[in-house]
Amino acid sequence: MGEASKASKALALFVQACHRGDAYACEEYGHHLEQRPEPGKHSSIYFERACVGGVGRACRTLLRSERD
């Protein structure tokens, strides 16, 4: 299995875990989306889920993005 395939599999697992309620997985996936160059990446949705789930870093990330 190649590195790209492993990374793709890992991201799929983060998304699944996030949608099952793992706030830390939501934060991790949000950070991945932030690094993508595509418009409309919607990373804030995942940071918001993480923030509501109690991940303080995700709340701070949302605040910083609002300031920019």
PDB file of N, CA and C in Angstrom:
ATOM      1  N   MET A   1       0.855  -1.171   0.000  1.00  0.00           N
ATOM      2  CA  MET A   1       0.000   0.000   0.000  1.00  0.00           C
ATOM      3  C   MET A   1       0.901   1.235   0.000  1.00  0.00           C
ATOM      4  N   GLY A   2       0.671   2.151  -0.937  1.00  0.00           N
ATOM      5  CA  GLY A   2       1.484   3.349  -1.056  1.00  0.00           C
ATOM      6  C   GLY A   2       1.166   4.377   0.014  1.00  0.00           C
ATOM      7  N   GLU A   3       2.049   5.356   0.140  1.00  0.00           N
ATOM      8  CA  GLU A   3       1.871   6.404   1.151  1.00  0.00           C
ATOM      9  C   GLU A   3       0.587   7.204   0.926  1.00  0.00           C
ATOM     10  N   ALA A   4       0.287   7.540  -0.333  1.00  0.00           N
ATOM     11  CA  ALA A   4      -0.928   8.305  -0.633  1.00  0.00           C
ATOM     12  C   ALA A   4      -2.169   7.507  -0.246  1.00  0.00           C
ATOM     13  N   SER A   5      -2.129   6.218  -0.489  1.00  0.00           N
ATOM     14  CA  SER A   5      -3.251   5.363  -0.143  1.00  0.00           C
ATOM     15  C   SER A   5      -3.432   5.269   1.372  1.00  0.00           C
ATOM     16  N   LYS A   6      -2.326   5.182   2.088  1.00  0.00           N
ATOM     17  CA  LYS A   6      -2.386   5.139   3.556  1.00  0.00           C
ATOM     18  C   LYS A   6      -2.943   6.445   4.104  1.00  0.00           C
ATOM     19  N   ALA A   7      -2.506   7.569   3.543  1.00  0.00           N
ATOM     20  CA  ALA A   7      -2.984   8.878   3.998  1.00  0.00           C
ATOM     21  C   ALA A   7      -4.475   9.019   3.714  1.00  0.00           C
ATOM     22  N   SER A   8      -4.904   8.562   2.569  1.00  0.00           N
ATOM     23  CA  SER A   8      -6.315   8.626   2.206  1.00  0.00           C
ATOM     24  C   SER A   8      -7.160   7.780   3.155  1.00  0.00           C
ATOM     25  N   LYS A   9      -6.668   6.621   3.489  1.00  0.00           N
ATOM     26  CA  LYS A   9      -7.364   5.717   4.427  1.00  0.00           C
ATOM     27  C   LYS A   9      -7.448   6.361   5.814  1.00  0.00           C
ATOM     28  N   ALA A  10      -6.353   6.981   6.252  1.00  0.00           N
ATOM     29  CA  ALA A  10      -6.339   7.641   7.561  1.00  0.00           C
ATOM     30  C   ALA A  10      -7.354   8.781   7.607  1.00  0.00           C
ATOM     31  N   LEU A  11      -7.416   9.569   6.543  1.00  0.00           N
ATOM     32  CA  LEU A  11      -8.376  10.671   6.508  1.00  0.00           C
ATOM     33  C   LEU A  11      -9.806  10.158   6.545  1.00  0.00           C
ATOM     34  N   ALA A  12     -10.060   9.067   5.847  1.00  0.00           N
ATOM     35  CA  ALA A  12     -11.396   8.478   5.870  1.00  0.00           C
ATOM     36  C   ALA A  12     -11.764   8.031   7.286  1.00  0.00           C
ATOM     37  N   LEU A  13     -10.798   7.499   8.003  1.00  0.00           N
ATOM     38  CA  LEU A  13     -11.048   7.079   9.390  1.00  0.00           C
ATOM     39  C   LEU A  13     -11.297   8.276  10.304  1.00  0.00           C
ATOM     40  N   PHE A  14     -10.577   9.391  10.079  1.00  0.00           N
ATOM     41  CA  PHE A  14     -10.824  10.608  10.869  1.00  0.00           C
ATOM     42  C   PHE A  14     -12.253  11.104  10.644  1.00  0.00           C
ATOM     43  N   VAL A  15     -12.700  11.113   9.394  1.00  0.00           N
ATOM     44  CA  VAL A  15     -14.055  11.574   9.086  1.00  0.00           C
ATOM     45  C   VAL A  15     -15.082  10.670   9.757  1.00  0.00           C
ATOM     46  N   GLN A  16     -14.893   9.370   9.668  1.00  0.00           N
ATOM     47  CA  GLN A  16     -15.821   8.436  10.310  1.00  0.00           C
ATOM     48  C   GLN A  16     -15.869   8.662  11.815  1.00  0.00           C
ATOM     49  N   ALA A  17     -14.700   8.780  12.419  1.00  0.00           N
ATOM     50  CA  ALA A  17     -14.644   8.981  13.867  1.00  0.00           C
ATOM     51  C   ALA A  17     -15.307  10.299  14.259  1.00  0.00           C
ATOM     52  N   CYS A  18     -15.081  11.324  13.460  1.00  0.00           N
ATOM     53  CA  CYS A  18     -15.699  12.623  13.739  1.00  0.00           C
ATOM     54  C   CYS A  18     -17.220  12.502  13.718  1.00  0.00           C
ATOM     55  N   HIS A  19     -17.731  11.889  12.693  1.00  0.00           N
ATOM     56  CA  HIS A  19     -19.187  11.768  12.565  1.00  0.00           C
ATOM     57  C   HIS A  19     -19.788  10.824  13.603  1.00  0.00           C
ATOM     58  N   ARG A  20     -18.938  10.092  14.271  1.00  0.00           N
ATOM     59  CA  ARG A  20     -19.410   9.232  15.376  1.00  0.00           C
ATOM     60  C   ARG A  20     -19.229   9.910  16.729  1.00  0.00           C
ATOM     61  N   GLY A  21     -18.735  11.153  16.716  1.00  0.00           N
ATOM     62  CA  GLY A  21     -18.675  11.909  17.956  1.00  0.00           C
ATOM     63  C   GLY A  21     -17.295  12.145  18.536  1.00  0.00           C
ATOM     64  N   ASP A  22     -16.237  11.768  17.859  1.00  0.00           N
ATOM     65  CA  ASP A  22     -14.880  11.982  18.366  1.00  0.00           C
ATOM     66  C   ASP A  22     -14.422  13.397  17.996  1.00  0.00           C
ATOM     67  N   ALA A  23     -14.466  14.286  18.963  1.00  0.00           N
ATOM     68  CA  ALA A  23     -14.146  15.693  18.726  1.00  0.00           C
ATOM     69  C   ALA A  23     -12.700  15.894  18.283  1.00  0.00           C
ATOM     70  N   TYR A  24     -11.795  15.083  18.789  1.00  0.00           N
ATOM     71  CA  TYR A  24     -10.385  15.218  18.389  1.00  0.00           C
ATOM     72  C   TYR A  24     -10.176  14.823  16.929  1.00  0.00           C
ATOM     73  N   ALA A  25     -10.935  13.844  16.458  1.00  0.00           N
ATOM     74  CA  ALA A  25     -10.862  13.463  15.043  1.00  0.00           C
ATOM     75  C   ALA A  25     -11.399  14.591  14.162  1.00  0.00           C
ATOM     76  N   CYS A  26     -12.430  15.283  14.636  1.00  0.00           N
ATOM     77  CA  CYS A  26     -12.969  16.433  13.896  1.00  0.00           C
ATOM     78  C   CYS A  26     -11.914  17.523  13.768  1.00  0.00           C
ATOM     79  N   GLU A  27     -11.214  17.785  14.854  1.00  0.00           N
ATOM     80  CA  GLU A  27     -10.169  18.811  14.822  1.00  0.00           C
ATOM     81  C   GLU A  27      -9.065  18.416  13.834  1.00  0.00           C
ATOM     82  N   GLU A  28      -8.637  17.194  13.896  1.00  0.00           N
ATOM     83  CA  GLU A  28      -7.562  16.719  13.006  1.00  0.00           C
ATOM     84  C   GLU A  28      -7.980  16.836  11.543  1.00  0.00           C
ATOM     85  N   TYR A  29      -9.199  16.431  11.245  1.00  0.00           N
ATOM     86  CA  TYR A  29      -9.670  16.519   9.857  1.00  0.00           C
ATOM     87  C   TYR A  29      -9.797  17.989   9.432  1.00  0.00           C
ATOM     88  N   GLY A  30     -10.231  18.843  10.328  1.00  0.00           N
ATOM     89  CA  GLY A  30     -10.305  20.273  10.031  1.00  0.00           C
ATOM     90  C   GLY A  30      -8.943  20.838   9.668  1.00  0.00           C
ATOM     91  N   HIS A  31      -7.916  20.432  10.394  1.00  0.00           N
ATOM     92  CA  HIS A  31      -6.561  20.896  10.071  1.00  0.00           C
ATOM     93  C   HIS A  31      -6.125  20.406   8.690  1.00  0.00           C
ATOM     94  N   HIS A  32      -6.507  19.193   8.358  1.00  0.00           N
ATOM     95  CA  HIS A  32      -6.163  18.678   7.031  1.00  0.00           C
ATOM     96  C   HIS A  32      -6.851  19.515   5.948  1.00  0.00           C
ATOM     97  N   LEU A  33      -8.118  19.820   6.148  1.00  0.00           N
ATOM     98  CA  LEU A  33      -8.848  20.608   5.153  1.00  0.00           C
ATOM     99  C   LEU A  33      -8.263  22.016   5.003  1.00  0.00           C
ATOM    100  N   GLU A  34      -7.770  22.561   6.083  1.00  0.00           N
ATOM    101  CA  GLU A  34      -7.154  23.897   6.023  1.00  0.00           C
ATOM    102  C   GLU A  34      -5.965  23.931   5.065  1.00  0.00           C
ATOM    103  N   GLN A  35      -5.281  22.840   4.940  1.00  0.00           N
ATOM    104  CA  GLN A  35      -4.069  22.795   4.122  1.00  0.00           C
ATOM    105  C   GLN A  35      -4.365  22.564   2.640  1.00  0.00           C
ATOM    106  N   ARG A  36      -5.597  22.260   2.311  1.00  0.00           N
ATOM    107  CA  ARG A  36      -5.967  22.033   0.905  1.00  0.00           C
ATOM    108  C   ARG A  36      -6.164  23.371   0.198  1.00  0.00           C
ATOM    109  N   PRO A  37      -5.753  23.456  -1.031  1.00  0.00           N
ATOM    110  CA  PRO A  37      -5.875  24.717  -1.758  1.00  0.00           C
ATOM    111  C   PRO A  37      -7.259  24.963  -2.370  1.00  0.00           C
ATOM    112  N   GLU A  38      -8.154  23.977  -2.331  1.00  0.00           N
ATOM    113  CA  GLU A  38      -9.452  24.137  -2.971  1.00  0.00           C
ATOM    114  C   GLU A  38     -10.318  25.160  -2.246  1.00  0.00           C
ATOM    115  N   PRO A  39     -11.097  25.926  -2.994  1.00  0.00           N
ATOM    116  CA  PRO A  39     -12.043  26.854  -2.355  1.00  0.00           C
ATOM    117  C   PRO A  39     -13.210  26.088  -1.744  1.00  0.00           C
ATOM    118  N   GLY A  40     -13.830  26.664  -0.750  1.00  0.00           N
ATOM    119  CA  GLY A  40     -14.988  26.046  -0.130  1.00  0.00           C
ATOM    120  C   GLY A  40     -14.682  24.774   0.618  1.00  0.00           C
ATOM    121  N   LYS A  41     -13.555  24.734   1.288  1.00  0.00           N
ATOM    122  CA  LYS A  41     -13.126  23.504   1.943  1.00  0.00           C
ATOM    123  C   LYS A  41     -13.879  23.202   3.231  1.00  0.00           C
ATOM    124  N   HIS A  42     -14.527  24.175   3.815  1.00  0.00           N
ATOM    125  CA  HIS A  42     -15.407  23.991   4.968  1.00  0.00           C
ATOM    126  C   HIS A  42     -14.735  23.395   6.207  1.00  0.00           C
ATOM    127  N   SER A  43     -13.492  23.752   6.444  1.00  0.00           N
ATOM    128  CA  SER A  43     -12.821  23.241   7.634  1.00  0.00           C
ATOM    129  C   SER A  43     -13.481  23.754   8.904  1.00  0.00           C
ATOM    130  N   SER A  44     -14.121  24.922   8.829  1.00  0.00           N
ATOM    131  CA  SER A  44     -14.748  25.494  10.025  1.00  0.00           C
ATOM    132  C   SER A  44     -15.854  24.592  10.571  1.00  0.00           C
ATOM    133  N   ILE A  45     -16.510  23.840   9.712  1.00  0.00           N
ATOM    134  CA  ILE A  45     -17.547  22.917  10.175  1.00  0.00           C
ATOM    135  C   ILE A  45     -16.948  21.896  11.144  1.00  0.00           C
ATOM    136  N   TYR A  46     -15.778  21.391  10.796  1.00  0.00           N
ATOM    137  CA  TYR A  46     -15.142  20.378  11.637  1.00  0.00           C
ATOM    138  C   TYR A  46     -14.548  20.993  12.903  1.00  0.00           C
ATOM    139  N   PHE A  47     -14.020  22.205  12.787  1.00  0.00           N
ATOM    140  CA  PHE A  47     -13.524  22.876  13.992  1.00  0.00           C
ATOM    141  C   PHE A  47     -14.670  23.201  14.942  1.00  0.00           C
ATOM    142  N   GLU A  48     -15.812  23.563  14.397  1.00  0.00           N
ATOM    143  CA  GLU A  48     -16.976  23.847  15.253  1.00  0.00           C
ATOM    144  C   GLU A  48     -17.432  22.587  15.983  1.00  0.00           C
ATOM    145  N   ARG A  49     -17.473  21.462  15.269  1.00  0.00           N
ATOM    146  CA  ARG A  49     -17.835  20.193  15.920  1.00  0.00           C
ATOM    147  C   ARG A  49     -16.852  19.867  17.051  1.00  0.00           C
ATOM    148  N   ALA A  50     -15.561  20.086  16.772  1.00  0.00           N
ATOM    149  CA  ALA A  50     -14.541  19.799  17.781  1.00  0.00           C
ATOM    150  C   ALA A  50     -14.683  20.734  18.975  1.00  0.00           C
ATOM    151  N   CYS A  51     -14.941  22.003  18.706  1.00  0.00           N
ATOM    152  CA  CYS A  51     -15.103  22.984  19.783  1.00  0.00           C
ATOM    153  C   CYS A  51     -16.281  22.613  20.678  1.00  0.00           C
ATOM    154  N   VAL A  52     -17.414  22.298  20.062  1.00  0.00           N
ATOM    155  CA  VAL A  52     -18.595  21.882  20.824  1.00  0.00           C
ATOM    156  C   VAL A  52     -18.300  20.615  21.622  1.00  0.00           C
ATOM    157  N   GLY A  53     -17.437  19.779  21.083  1.00  0.00           N
ATOM    158  CA  GLY A  53     -17.061  18.540  21.764  1.00  0.00           C
ATOM    159  C   GLY A  53     -16.037  18.727  22.869  1.00  0.00           C
ATOM    160  N   GLY A  54     -15.589  19.976  23.081  1.00  0.00           N
ATOM    161  CA  GLY A  54     -14.698  20.248  24.201  1.00  0.00           C
ATOM    162  C   GLY A  54     -13.227  20.389  23.864  1.00  0.00           C
ATOM    163  N   VAL A  55     -12.881  20.487  22.593  1.00  0.00           N
ATOM    164  CA  VAL A  55     -11.479  20.646  22.202  1.00  0.00           C
ATOM    165  C   VAL A  55     -11.185  22.151  22.121  1.00  0.00           C
ATOM    166  N   GLY A  56     -10.545  22.669  23.145  1.00  0.00           N
ATOM    167  CA  GLY A  56     -10.284  24.104  23.237  1.00  0.00           C
ATOM    168  C   GLY A  56      -9.468  24.662  22.083  1.00  0.00           C
ATOM    169  N   ARG A  57      -8.510  23.891  21.594  1.00  0.00           N
ATOM    170  CA  ARG A  57      -7.690  24.361  20.464  1.00  0.00           C
ATOM    171  C   ARG A  57      -8.556  24.650  19.245  1.00  0.00           C
ATOM    172  N   ALA A  58      -9.583  23.851  19.042  1.00  0.00           N
ATOM    173  CA  ALA A  58     -10.477  24.056  17.902  1.00  0.00           C
ATOM    174  C   ALA A  58     -11.261  25.355  18.060  1.00  0.00           C
ATOM    175  N   CYS A  59     -11.651  25.670  19.286  1.00  0.00           N
ATOM    176  CA  CYS A  59     -12.345  26.936  19.542  1.00  0.00           C
ATOM    177  C   CYS A  59     -11.431  28.116  19.219  1.00  0.00           C
ATOM    178  N   ARG A  60     -10.177  28.017  19.624  1.00  0.00           N
ATOM    179  CA  ARG A  60      -9.223  29.091  19.324  1.00  0.00           C
ATOM    180  C   ARG A  60      -8.978  29.213  17.826  1.00  0.00           C
ATOM    181  N   THR A  61      -8.946  28.096  17.131  1.00  0.00           N
ATOM    182  CA  THR A  61      -8.766  28.129  15.672  1.00  0.00           C
ATOM    183  C   THR A  61      -9.938  28.853  15.023  1.00  0.00           C
ATOM    184  N   LEU A  62     -11.137  28.594  15.491  1.00  0.00           N
ATOM    185  CA  LEU A  62     -12.316  29.275  14.955  1.00  0.00           C
ATOM    186  C   LEU A  62     -12.245  30.773  15.209  1.00  0.00           C
ATOM    187  N   LEU A  63     -11.838  31.152  16.395  1.00  0.00           N
ATOM    188  CA  LEU A  63     -11.715  32.583  16.713  1.00  0.00           C
ATOM    189  C   LEU A  63     -10.692  33.271  15.825  1.00  0.00           C
ATOM    190  N   ARG A  64      -9.560  32.619  15.610  1.00  0.00           N
ATOM    191  CA  ARG A  64      -8.543  33.204  14.747  1.00  0.00           C
ATOM    192  C   ARG A  64      -9.043  33.355  13.319  1.00  0.00           C
ATOM    193  N   SER A  65      -9.787  32.380  12.837  1.00  0.00           N
ATOM    194  CA  SER A  65     -10.292  32.471  11.457  1.00  0.00           C
ATOM    195  C   SER A  65     -11.327  33.571  11.326  1.00  0.00           C
ATOM    196  N   GLU A  66     -12.061  33.854  12.369  1.00  0.00           N
ATOM    197  CA  GLU A  66     -13.038  34.941  12.341  1.00  0.00           C
ATOM    198  C   GLU A  66     -12.351  36.301  12.279  1.00  0.00           C
ATOM    199  N   ARG A  67     -11.201  36.416  12.899  1.00  0.00           N
ATOM    200  CA  ARG A  67     -10.445  37.682  12.900  1.00  0.00           C
ATOM    201  C   ARG A  67      -9.830  37.981  11.554  1.00  0.00           C
ATOM    202  N   ASP A  68      -9.460  36.941  10.803  1.00  0.00           N
ATOM    203  CA  ASP A  68      -8.791  37.132   9.515  1.00  0.00           C
ATOM    204  C   ASP A  68      -9.708  37.585   8.435  1.00  0.00           C
TER     205      ASP A  68
END
